[in-house]
């Protein structure tokens, strides 16, 4: 089930860079989003790993940005709050803790290291 508690908007005011932001508060441990969509054995630039050799293309989840100090984690098909999230805060997860290998490695803007 998808929750109506998030919105897609420009991340940190940067045009062309989207993110997911909460429309309500969440407590640590709450389910923020349930991922749905097409499942593939191979990662793509926008997929999220939900199980061994299962990557899901979720129409909202594909806008969740990486952060080394994330607000959420991926647990199967659920995006779970790791800490209390206030209304308006960005929903993020640490790609390196979820993905074995990224389809598009990048230099992290949090810590300036290669996330692959």
Protein backbone atom coordinates (compact mmCIF):
# COMPACT_ATOMS: atom_id res chain seq x y z
CA UNK A 1 0.00 0.00 0.00
CA UNK A 2 1.31 3.44 -0.87
CA UNK A 3 0.88 6.18 1.66
CA UNK A 4 -0.27 9.67 0.68
CA UNK A 5 2.31 11.27 2.90
CA UNK A 6 5.08 12.22 0.51
CA UNK A 7 5.53 14.58 -2.35
CA UNK A 8 8.01 14.91 -5.19
CA UNK A 9 9.61 18.31 -5.41
CA UNK A 10 12.85 20.01 -6.29
CA UNK A 11 15.61 18.82 -3.97
CA UNK A 12 17.26 21.58 -1.97
CA UNK A 13 16.09 24.15 -4.52
CA UNK A 14 18.31 22.69 -7.27
CA UNK A 15 16.52 22.78 -10.61
CA UNK A 16 16.58 19.39 -12.33
CA UNK A 17 17.25 17.46 -9.12
CA UNK A 18 14.18 15.95 -7.52
CA UNK A 19 13.65 14.43 -4.11
CA UNK A 20 10.94 13.03 -1.88
CA UNK A 21 9.73 15.11 1.05
CA UNK A 22 7.31 14.20 3.83
CA UNK A 23 3.89 15.85 4.05
CA UNK A 24 3.53 14.67 7.65
CA UNK A 25 5.64 13.53 10.56
CA UNK A 26 6.83 9.94 11.01
CA UNK A 27 8.24 8.22 14.07
CA UNK A 28 11.29 5.98 13.94
CA UNK A 29 10.16 2.54 12.74
CA UNK A 30 7.13 3.80 10.80
CA UNK A 31 6.56 2.66 7.22
CA UNK A 32 6.95 5.76 5.07
CA UNK A 33 6.28 4.10 1.71
CA UNK A 34 5.52 0.65 0.30
CA UNK A 35 7.27 0.09 -3.01
CA UNK A 36 5.32 -1.29 -5.96
CA UNK A 37 6.11 -1.63 -9.63
CA UNK A 38 7.95 -3.75 -12.13
CA UNK A 39 10.57 -6.12 -10.70
CA UNK A 40 13.77 -6.97 -12.56
CA UNK A 41 16.80 -9.13 -11.69
CA UNK A 42 19.14 -6.32 -12.76
CA UNK A 43 19.61 -2.88 -11.22
CA UNK A 44 18.89 0.28 -13.19
CA UNK A 45 19.65 3.91 -12.47
CA UNK A 46 16.25 4.31 -10.75
CA UNK A 47 15.53 0.86 -9.30
CA UNK A 48 15.69 -0.08 -5.61
CA UNK A 49 16.97 -3.48 -4.48
CA UNK A 50 14.23 -5.21 -2.46
CA UNK A 51 15.63 -8.78 -2.37
CA UNK A 52 18.44 -10.85 -3.83
CA UNK A 53 18.26 -10.32 -7.62
CA UNK A 54 15.07 -8.26 -7.26
CA UNK A 55 15.09 -4.59 -8.12
CA UNK A 56 11.83 -2.65 -8.23
CA UNK A 57 10.97 0.38 -10.36
CA UNK A 58 8.65 2.39 -8.13
CA UNK A 59 7.17 5.60 -9.58
CA UNK A 60 7.74 7.48 -6.30
CA UNK A 61 10.64 5.52 -4.81
CA UNK A 62 12.84 6.23 -7.82
CA UNK A 63 13.05 9.86 -6.61
CA UNK A 64 14.46 8.95 -3.17
CA UNK A 65 17.96 10.40 -2.92
CA UNK A 66 21.07 8.96 -1.29
CA UNK A 67 22.39 10.30 1.99
CA UNK A 68 25.18 8.98 4.22
CA UNK A 69 23.06 9.96 7.22
CA UNK A 70 19.70 8.77 5.87
CA UNK A 71 16.24 9.31 7.26
CA UNK A 72 15.11 5.84 6.12
CA UNK A 73 16.20 2.35 5.21
CA UNK A 74 14.86 -0.22 2.76
CA UNK A 75 13.42 -3.37 4.33
CA UNK A 76 12.05 -5.61 1.59
CA UNK A 77 9.45 -3.49 -0.21
CA UNK A 78 9.08 -1.02 2.66
CA UNK A 79 10.81 2.29 3.23
CA UNK A 80 11.16 2.50 7.02
CA UNK A 81 11.96 5.64 9.05
CA UNK A 82 15.28 5.31 10.88
CA UNK A 83 14.58 8.38 12.99
CA UNK A 84 11.72 10.77 13.62
CA UNK A 85 10.93 12.66 10.42
CA UNK A 86 9.25 16.07 10.52
CA UNK A 87 6.81 17.46 7.99
CA UNK A 88 8.85 18.83 5.07
CA UNK A 89 11.98 16.73 5.67
CA UNK A 90 13.56 14.84 2.80
CA UNK A 91 13.18 11.05 2.64
CA UNK A 92 16.60 9.48 1.91
CA UNK A 93 18.39 6.15 2.23
CA UNK A 94 22.05 5.09 2.04
CA UNK A 95 22.39 3.45 -1.39
CA UNK A 96 25.62 1.70 -0.35
CA UNK A 97 23.84 -0.13 2.49
CA UNK A 98 21.09 -1.37 0.18
CA UNK A 99 22.62 -2.01 -3.23
CA UNK A 100 25.34 -4.55 -4.04
CA UNK A 101 26.37 -2.64 -7.15
CA UNK A 102 24.90 0.56 -8.54
CA UNK A 103 24.01 0.79 -12.21
CA UNK A 104 25.31 4.40 -12.12
CA UNK A 105 28.04 4.97 -9.50
CA UNK A 106 28.47 8.60 -8.38
CA UNK A 107 30.52 10.84 -6.11
CA UNK A 108 28.54 11.41 -2.92
CA UNK A 109 27.84 15.05 -2.11
CA UNK A 110 27.72 14.18 1.64
CA UNK A 111 31.20 12.73 2.00
CA UNK A 112 32.83 13.13 -1.43
CA UNK A 113 33.43 9.38 -1.89
CA UNK A 114 32.51 7.11 -4.77
CA UNK A 115 29.24 5.27 -4.13
CA UNK A 116 29.26 2.20 -6.30
